[in-house]
Amino acid sequence: MQTRSIRSLVFIALFAALFIVMSSLTIKLGGSFVPITLQTLAVALTGLFLTPRNAFISIAAVIVLTAFGLPLFSGQGGIATLTGHTAGYIFAFPFCALFVSLAVGGFLRPDSGKRNKYAALIGFFIIFELFSSLFAYIPGIPWLMHITGFSLPEALIAGFYPFLIGDALKSFAAAALAISLTPYIIHIRASAAQPKTDKASYTA
């Protein structure tokens, strides 16, 4: 069990670092409060490889460290970052990773290798597009409206429409990677999952 816990911590830290790196790669659109980043791709990959609990912790840990002032979101940190224009998106990301992982866990079954690859690609794409991208806009847009005073159409123009094509491309990239690495993904997720026999062995 100790080895399993250490392995989980390593993967949590690894994907937290991946999220930080991809957060630092930004393109700022003129007049927009929301930059283009690879954060949603990192969220998709975190949910793809990690169990739901570990996926949530991995992204949430970055938010906690940011609250202590570390510049982990596009080179910015502190409470101001976590209450700024992009706060709604930021706080959605741990839940995005959680929901991606839950959906992937249901999608990856023992017969996954026999599934038609095109159908699998579409399935993964839908999972990533829904949960790593579109779900983040549910709190992201209302918070942007609250901070800026934008109307809904204005907030959609500033924080939604410009990112749709990029989100789709990132979801497709994650789906293609998922197809290529399915056996490894299943192995990594299984290696971090606590077996049911563990609890019995400690209570016996």
C-alpha atoms as a PDB file:
ATOM      1  CA  MET A   1       0.000   0.000   0.000  1.00  0.00           C
ATOM      2  CA  GLN A   2       2.897   2.372   0.758  1.00  0.00           C
ATOM      3  CA  THR A   3       4.324   1.852  -2.733  1.00  0.00           C
ATOM      4  CA  ARG A   4       0.907   2.553  -4.227  1.00  0.00           C
ATOM      5  CA  SER A   5       0.609   5.775  -2.209  1.00  0.00           C
ATOM      6  CA  ILE A   6       4.053   6.956  -3.275  1.00  0.00           C
ATOM      7  CA  ARG A   7       3.221   6.197  -6.900  1.00  0.00           C
ATOM      8  CA  SER A   8      -0.008   8.201  -6.591  1.00  0.00           C
ATOM      9  CA  LEU A   9       1.837  11.181  -5.105  1.00  0.00           C
ATOM     10  CA  VAL A  10       4.385  11.073  -7.914  1.00  0.00           C
ATOM     11  CA  PHE A  11       1.668  11.144 -10.579  1.00  0.00           C
ATOM     12  CA  ILE A  12      -0.258  13.881  -8.746  1.00  0.00           C
ATOM     13  CA  ALA A  13       2.885  16.026  -8.652  1.00  0.00           C
ATOM     14  CA  LEU A  14       3.761  15.192 -12.253  1.00  0.00           C
ATOM     15  CA  PHE A  15       0.434  16.298 -13.649  1.00  0.00           C
ATOM     16  CA  ALA A  16       0.332  19.344 -11.375  1.00  0.00           C
ATOM     17  CA  ALA A  17       3.674  20.330 -12.907  1.00  0.00           C
ATOM     18  CA  LEU A  18       2.284  19.670 -16.395  1.00  0.00           C
ATOM     19  CA  PHE A  19      -0.668  21.925 -15.647  1.00  0.00           C
ATOM     20  CA  ILE A  20       1.665  24.679 -14.407  1.00  0.00           C
ATOM     21  CA  VAL A  21       3.835  24.452 -17.523  1.00  0.00           C
ATOM     22  CA  MET A  22       0.843  24.537 -19.847  1.00  0.00           C
ATOM     23  CA  SER A  23      -0.595  27.467 -17.894  1.00  0.00           C
ATOM     24  CA  SER A  24       2.565  29.435 -18.602  1.00  0.00           C
ATOM     25  CA  LEU A  25       2.104  29.081 -22.367  1.00  0.00           C
ATOM     26  CA  THR A  26      -0.274  31.949 -23.066  1.00  0.00           C
ATOM     27  CA  ILE A  27      -1.476  34.058 -25.948  1.00  0.00           C
ATOM     28  CA  LYS A  28      -3.269  37.244 -24.963  1.00  0.00           C
ATOM     29  CA  LEU A  29      -6.049  38.381 -27.255  1.00  0.00           C
ATOM     30  CA  GLY A  30      -6.435  42.110 -27.743  1.00  0.00           C
ATOM     31  CA  GLY A  31      -9.199  43.466 -25.544  1.00  0.00           C
ATOM     32  CA  SER A  32      -9.883  40.092 -23.897  1.00  0.00           C
ATOM     33  CA  PHE A  33      -9.492  39.416 -20.181  1.00  0.00           C
ATOM     34  CA  VAL A  34      -9.098  35.682 -20.812  1.00  0.00           C
ATOM     35  CA  PRO A  35      -5.836  34.482 -22.441  1.00  0.00           C
ATOM     36  CA  ILE A  36      -5.464  31.435 -24.651  1.00  0.00           C
ATOM     37  CA  THR A  37      -3.567  28.703 -22.795  1.00  0.00           C
ATOM     38  CA  LEU A  38      -3.077  24.946 -22.853  1.00  0.00           C
ATOM     39  CA  GLN A  39      -4.695  24.560 -19.440  1.00  0.00           C
ATOM     40  CA  THR A  40      -7.690  22.597 -20.709  1.00  0.00           C
ATOM     41  CA  LEU A  41      -5.359  20.172 -22.483  1.00  0.00           C
ATOM     42  CA  ALA A  42      -3.505  19.641 -19.203  1.00  0.00           C
ATOM     43  CA  VAL A  43      -6.826  19.102 -17.425  1.00  0.00           C
ATOM     44  CA  ALA A  44      -7.859  16.555 -20.066  1.00  0.00           C
ATOM     45  CA  LEU A  45      -4.592  14.631 -19.708  1.00  0.00           C
ATOM     46  CA  THR A  46      -4.794  14.743 -15.914  1.00  0.00           C
ATOM     47  CA  GLY A  47      -8.259  13.233 -15.957  1.00  0.00           C
ATOM     48  CA  LEU A  48      -7.194  10.747 -18.608  1.00  0.00           C
ATOM     49  CA  PHE A  49      -4.289   9.253 -16.694  1.00  0.00           C
ATOM     50  CA  LEU A  50      -5.261   9.737 -13.049  1.00  0.00           C
ATOM     51  CA  THR A  51      -8.059   8.354 -10.915  1.00  0.00           C
ATOM     52  CA  PRO A  52     -10.868  10.822 -10.087  1.00  0.00           C
ATOM     53  CA  ARG A  53      -9.536  11.572  -6.599  1.00  0.00           C
ATOM     54  CA  ASN A  54      -5.952  12.057  -7.740  1.00  0.00           C
ATOM     55  CA  ALA A  55      -7.000  14.132 -10.758  1.00  0.00           C
ATOM     56  CA  PHE A  56      -8.927  16.517  -8.519  1.00  0.00           C
ATOM     57  CA  ILE A  57      -6.089  16.786  -5.996  1.00  0.00           C
ATOM     58  CA  SER A  58      -3.494  17.389  -8.711  1.00  0.00           C
ATOM     59  CA  ILE A  59      -5.200  20.508 -10.064  1.00  0.00           C
ATOM     60  CA  ALA A  60      -6.515  21.679  -6.682  1.00  0.00           C
ATOM     61  CA  ALA A  61      -2.965  21.586  -5.295  1.00  0.00           C
ATOM     62  CA  VAL A  62      -1.904  24.143  -7.911  1.00  0.00           C
ATOM     63  CA  ILE A  63      -4.730  26.445  -6.807  1.00  0.00           C
ATOM     64  CA  VAL A  64      -3.709  26.118  -3.141  1.00  0.00           C
ATOM     65  CA  LEU A  65      -0.080  26.926  -3.957  1.00  0.00           C
ATOM     66  CA  THR A  66      -1.255  29.886  -6.042  1.00  0.00           C
ATOM     67  CA  ALA A  67      -3.211  31.179  -3.047  1.00  0.00           C
ATOM     68  CA  PHE A  68       0.097  31.329  -1.138  1.00  0.00           C
ATOM     69  CA  GLY A  69       1.501  33.636  -3.784  1.00  0.00           C
ATOM     70  CA  LEU A  70       3.319  31.291  -6.156  1.00  0.00           C
ATOM     71  CA  PRO A  71       3.004  32.566  -9.769  1.00  0.00           C
ATOM     72  CA  LEU A  72       1.573  29.375 -11.239  1.00  0.00           C
ATOM     73  CA  PHE A  73      -1.217  30.726 -13.461  1.00  0.00           C
ATOM     74  CA  SER A  74       0.316  32.396 -16.498  1.00  0.00           C
ATOM     75  CA  GLY A  75       3.079  33.782 -14.284  1.00  0.00           C
ATOM     76  CA  GLN A  76       0.629  35.220 -11.773  1.00  0.00           C
ATOM     77  CA  GLY A  77      -0.265  34.166  -8.260  1.00  0.00           C
ATOM     78  CA  GLY A  78      -1.880  35.250  -5.020  1.00  0.00           C
ATOM     79  CA  ILE A  79      -5.447  35.889  -3.991  1.00  0.00           C
ATOM     80  CA  ALA A  80      -5.813  38.557  -6.673  1.00  0.00           C
ATOM     81  CA  THR A  81      -5.348  35.894  -9.347  1.00  0.00           C
ATOM     82  CA  LEU A  82      -7.890  33.610  -7.690  1.00  0.00           C
ATOM     83  CA  THR A  83     -10.484  36.371  -7.538  1.00  0.00           C
ATOM     84  CA  GLY A  84      -9.729  37.985 -10.895  1.00  0.00           C
ATOM     85  CA  HIS A  85     -11.341  37.749 -14.309  1.00  0.00           C
ATOM     86  CA  THR A  86     -10.448  34.075 -14.834  1.00  0.00           C
ATOM     87  CA  ALA A  87     -11.304  32.838 -11.316  1.00  0.00           C
ATOM     88  CA  GLY A  88     -14.449  31.058 -12.484  1.00  0.00           C
ATOM     89  CA  TYR A  89     -12.444  28.983 -14.940  1.00  0.00           C
ATOM     90  CA  ILE A  90      -9.649  28.330 -12.432  1.00  0.00           C
ATOM     91  CA  PHE A  91     -11.911  26.911  -9.737  1.00  0.00           C
ATOM     92  CA  ALA A  92     -13.732  24.795 -12.317  1.00  0.00           C
ATOM     93  CA  PHE A  93     -10.549  23.008 -13.414  1.00  0.00           C
ATOM     94  CA  PRO A  94     -10.253  20.521 -10.496  1.00  0.00           C
ATOM     95  CA  PHE A  95     -13.857  19.479 -11.072  1.00  0.00           C
ATOM     96  CA  CYS A  96     -13.208  19.279 -14.815  1.00  0.00           C
ATOM     97  CA  ALA A  97     -10.338  16.866 -14.158  1.00  0.00           C
ATOM     98  CA  LEU A  98     -12.537  14.876 -11.775  1.00  0.00           C
ATOM     99  CA  PHE A  99     -15.384  14.553 -14.292  1.00  0.00           C
ATOM    100  CA  VAL A 100     -13.002  13.683 -17.129  1.00  0.00           C
ATOM    101  CA  SER A 101     -11.518  10.904 -15.006  1.00  0.00           C
ATOM    102  CA  LEU A 102     -14.945   9.561 -14.050  1.00  0.00           C
ATOM    103  CA  ALA A 103     -16.076   9.574 -17.679  1.00  0.00           C
ATOM    104  CA  VAL A 104     -12.845   7.972 -18.892  1.00  0.00           C
ATOM    105  CA  GLY A 105     -13.134   5.309 -16.202  1.00  0.00           C
ATOM    106  CA  GLY A 106     -16.582   4.409 -17.491  1.00  0.00           C
ATOM    107  CA  PHE A 107     -15.437   4.524 -21.093  1.00  0.00           C
ATOM    108  CA  LEU A 108     -12.349   2.334 -20.642  1.00  0.00           C
ATOM    109  CA  ARG A 109     -13.474  -1.225 -20.165  1.00  0.00           C
ATOM    110  CA  PRO A 110     -11.598  -4.535 -20.538  1.00  0.00           C
ATOM    111  CA  ASP A 111     -12.807  -4.737 -24.153  1.00  0.00           C
ATOM    112  CA  SER A 112     -11.508  -1.223 -24.969  1.00  0.00           C
ATOM    113  CA  GLY A 113      -8.812  -2.628 -27.195  1.00  0.00           C
ATOM    114  CA  LYS A 114     -11.458  -4.290 -29.384  1.00  0.00           C
ATOM    115  CA  ARG A 115     -13.503  -1.108 -29.840  1.00  0.00           C
ATOM    116  CA  ASN A 116     -13.453   0.539 -33.240  1.00  0.00           C
ATOM    117  CA  LYS A 117     -10.737   3.195 -33.065  1.00  0.00           C
ATOM    118  CA  TYR A 118     -12.803   5.816 -34.857  1.00  0.00           C
ATOM    119  CA  ALA A 119     -15.676   5.302 -32.427  1.00  0.00           C
ATOM    120  CA  ALA A 120     -13.227   5.462 -29.529  1.00  0.00           C
ATOM    121  CA  LEU A 121     -11.704   8.658 -30.906  1.00  0.00           C
ATOM    122  CA  ILE A 122     -15.146  10.264 -31.076  1.00  0.00           C
ATOM    123  CA  GLY A 123     -15.966   9.034 -27.573  1.00  0.00           C
ATOM    124  CA  PHE A 124     -12.787  10.463 -26.065  1.00  0.00           C
ATOM    125  CA  PHE A 125     -13.252  13.716 -27.988  1.00  0.00           C
ATOM    126  CA  ILE A 126     -16.772  14.158 -26.594  1.00  0.00           C
ATOM    127  CA  ILE A 127     -15.540  13.466 -23.049  1.00  0.00           C
ATOM    128  CA  PHE A 128     -12.724  15.997 -23.292  1.00  0.00           C
ATOM    129  CA  GLU A 129     -14.781  18.625 -25.094  1.00  0.00           C
ATOM    130  CA  LEU A 130     -17.604  18.413 -22.567  1.00  0.00           C
ATOM    131  CA  PHE A 131     -15.712  18.092 -19.303  1.00  0.00           C
ATOM    132  CA  SER A 132     -12.264  19.617 -19.786  1.00  0.00           C
ATOM    133  CA  SER A 133     -13.467  22.547 -21.899  1.00  0.00           C
ATOM    134  CA  LEU A 134     -17.171  23.378 -21.995  1.00  0.00           C
ATOM    135  CA  PHE A 135     -17.810  22.621 -18.319  1.00  0.00           C
ATOM    136  CA  ALA A 136     -15.283  25.309 -17.306  1.00  0.00           C
ATOM    137  CA  TYR A 137     -17.426  27.971 -18.959  1.00  0.00           C
ATOM    138  CA  ILE A 138     -20.388  27.258 -16.678  1.00  0.00           C
ATOM    139  CA  PRO A 139     -18.793  29.108 -13.721  1.00  0.00           C
ATOM    140  CA  GLY A 140     -16.301  30.988 -15.892  1.00  0.00           C
ATOM    141  CA  ILE A 141     -18.760  33.130 -17.838  1.00  0.00           C
ATOM    142  CA  PRO A 142     -20.977  34.190 -14.887  1.00  0.00           C
ATOM    143  CA  TRP A 143     -17.892  35.144 -12.864  1.00  0.00           C
ATOM    144  CA  LEU A 144     -16.533  37.151 -15.786  1.00  0.00           C
ATOM    145  CA  MET A 145     -19.868  38.950 -15.991  1.00  0.00           C
ATOM    146  CA  HIS A 146     -19.728  39.650 -12.236  1.00  0.00           C
ATOM    147  CA  ILE A 147     -16.194  41.089 -12.353  1.00  0.00           C
ATOM    148  CA  THR A 148     -16.518  43.137 -15.524  1.00  0.00           C
ATOM    149  CA  GLY A 149     -20.182  44.081 -15.494  1.00  0.00           C
ATOM    150  CA  PHE A 150     -20.539  42.565 -18.969  1.00  0.00           C
ATOM    151  CA  SER A 151     -23.878  41.415 -20.277  1.00  0.00           C
ATOM    152  CA  LEU A 152     -24.138  37.754 -21.261  1.00  0.00           C
ATOM    153  CA  PRO A 153     -23.499  38.442 -24.985  1.00  0.00           C
ATOM    154  CA  GLU A 154     -20.475  40.592 -24.116  1.00  0.00           C
ATOM    155  CA  ALA A 155     -19.076  37.944 -21.786  1.00  0.00           C
ATOM    156  CA  LEU A 156     -19.524  35.248 -24.437  1.00  0.00           C
ATOM    157  CA  ILE A 157     -17.641  37.380 -26.940  1.00  0.00           C
ATOM    158  CA  ALA A 158     -14.812  38.013 -24.466  1.00  0.00           C
ATOM    159  CA  GLY A 159     -14.564  34.644 -22.769  1.00  0.00           C
ATOM    160  CA  PHE A 160     -16.207  31.947 -24.863  1.00  0.00           C
ATOM    161  CA  TYR A 161     -16.439  32.323 -28.637  1.00  0.00           C
ATOM    162  CA  PRO A 162     -12.728  33.007 -29.299  1.00  0.00           C
ATOM    163  CA  PHE A 163     -11.736  29.759 -27.622  1.00  0.00           C
ATOM    164  CA  LEU A 164     -14.089  27.241 -29.220  1.00  0.00           C
ATOM    165  CA  ILE A 165     -11.839  26.235 -32.120  1.00  0.00           C
ATOM    166  CA  GLY A 166      -8.798  25.958 -29.856  1.00  0.00           C
ATOM    167  CA  ASP A 167     -10.755  23.889 -27.346  1.00  0.00           C
ATOM    168  CA  ALA A 168     -11.825  21.505 -30.095  1.00  0.00           C
ATOM    169  CA  LEU A 169      -8.246  21.134 -31.336  1.00  0.00           C
ATOM    170  CA  LYS A 170      -6.976  20.432 -27.818  1.00  0.00           C
ATOM    171  CA  SER A 171      -9.744  17.897 -27.225  1.00  0.00           C
ATOM    172  CA  PHE A 172      -8.882  16.177 -30.487  1.00  0.00           C
ATOM    173  CA  ALA A 173      -5.176  16.080 -29.576  1.00  0.00           C
ATOM    174  CA  ALA A 174      -5.987  14.546 -26.190  1.00  0.00           C
ATOM    175  CA  ALA A 175      -8.333  12.027 -27.832  1.00  0.00           C
ATOM    176  CA  ALA A 176      -5.672  11.005 -30.356  1.00  0.00           C
ATOM    177  CA  LEU A 177      -3.198  10.540 -27.514  1.00  0.00           C
ATOM    178  CA  ALA A 178      -5.747   8.497 -25.570  1.00  0.00           C
ATOM    179  CA  ILE A 179      -6.199   6.143 -28.526  1.00  0.00           C
ATOM    180  CA  SER A 180      -2.453   5.679 -28.918  1.00  0.00           C
ATOM    181  CA  LEU A 181      -1.789   5.060 -25.226  1.00  0.00           C
ATOM    182  CA  THR A 182      -4.948   3.235 -24.095  1.00  0.00           C
ATOM    183  CA  PRO A 183      -3.143   0.156 -22.666  1.00  0.00           C
ATOM    184  CA  TYR A 184      -0.734   2.366 -20.705  1.00  0.00           C
ATOM    185  CA  ILE A 185      -3.559   4.564 -19.454  1.00  0.00           C
ATOM    186  CA  ILE A 186      -5.450   1.538 -18.140  1.00  0.00           C
ATOM    187  CA  HIS A 187      -2.286   0.270 -16.426  1.00  0.00           C
ATOM    188  CA  ILE A 188      -1.445   3.630 -14.808  1.00  0.00           C
ATOM    189  CA  ARG A 189      -4.988   4.178 -13.549  1.00  0.00           C
ATOM    190  CA  ALA A 190      -5.163   0.629 -12.193  1.00  0.00           C
ATOM    191  CA  SER A 191      -1.798   0.953 -10.456  1.00  0.00           C
ATOM    192  CA  ALA A 192      -3.021   4.006  -8.532  1.00  0.00           C
ATOM    193  CA  ALA A 193      -6.442   2.606  -7.634  1.00  0.00           C
ATOM    194  CA  GLN A 194      -6.674   1.102  -4.176  1.00  0.00           C
ATOM    195  CA  PRO A 195      -7.785  -2.536  -4.393  1.00  0.00           C
ATOM    196  CA  LYS A 196     -10.824  -3.575  -2.403  1.00  0.00           C
ATOM    197  CA  THR A 197      -8.757  -6.193  -0.604  1.00  0.00           C
ATOM    198  CA  ASP A 198      -6.618  -3.489   1.039  1.00  0.00           C
ATOM    199  CA  LYS A 199      -9.378  -2.439   3.404  1.00  0.00           C
ATOM    200  CA  ALA A 200     -10.124  -6.021   4.390  1.00  0.00           C
ATOM    201  CA  SER A 201      -6.465  -6.722   5.122  1.00  0.00           C
ATOM    202  CA  TYR A 202      -6.286  -3.769   7.523  1.00  0.00           C
ATOM    203  CA  THR A 203      -9.510  -4.529   9.330  1.00  0.00           C
ATOM    204  CA  ALA A 204      -8.954  -8.249   9.711  1.00  0.00           C
END
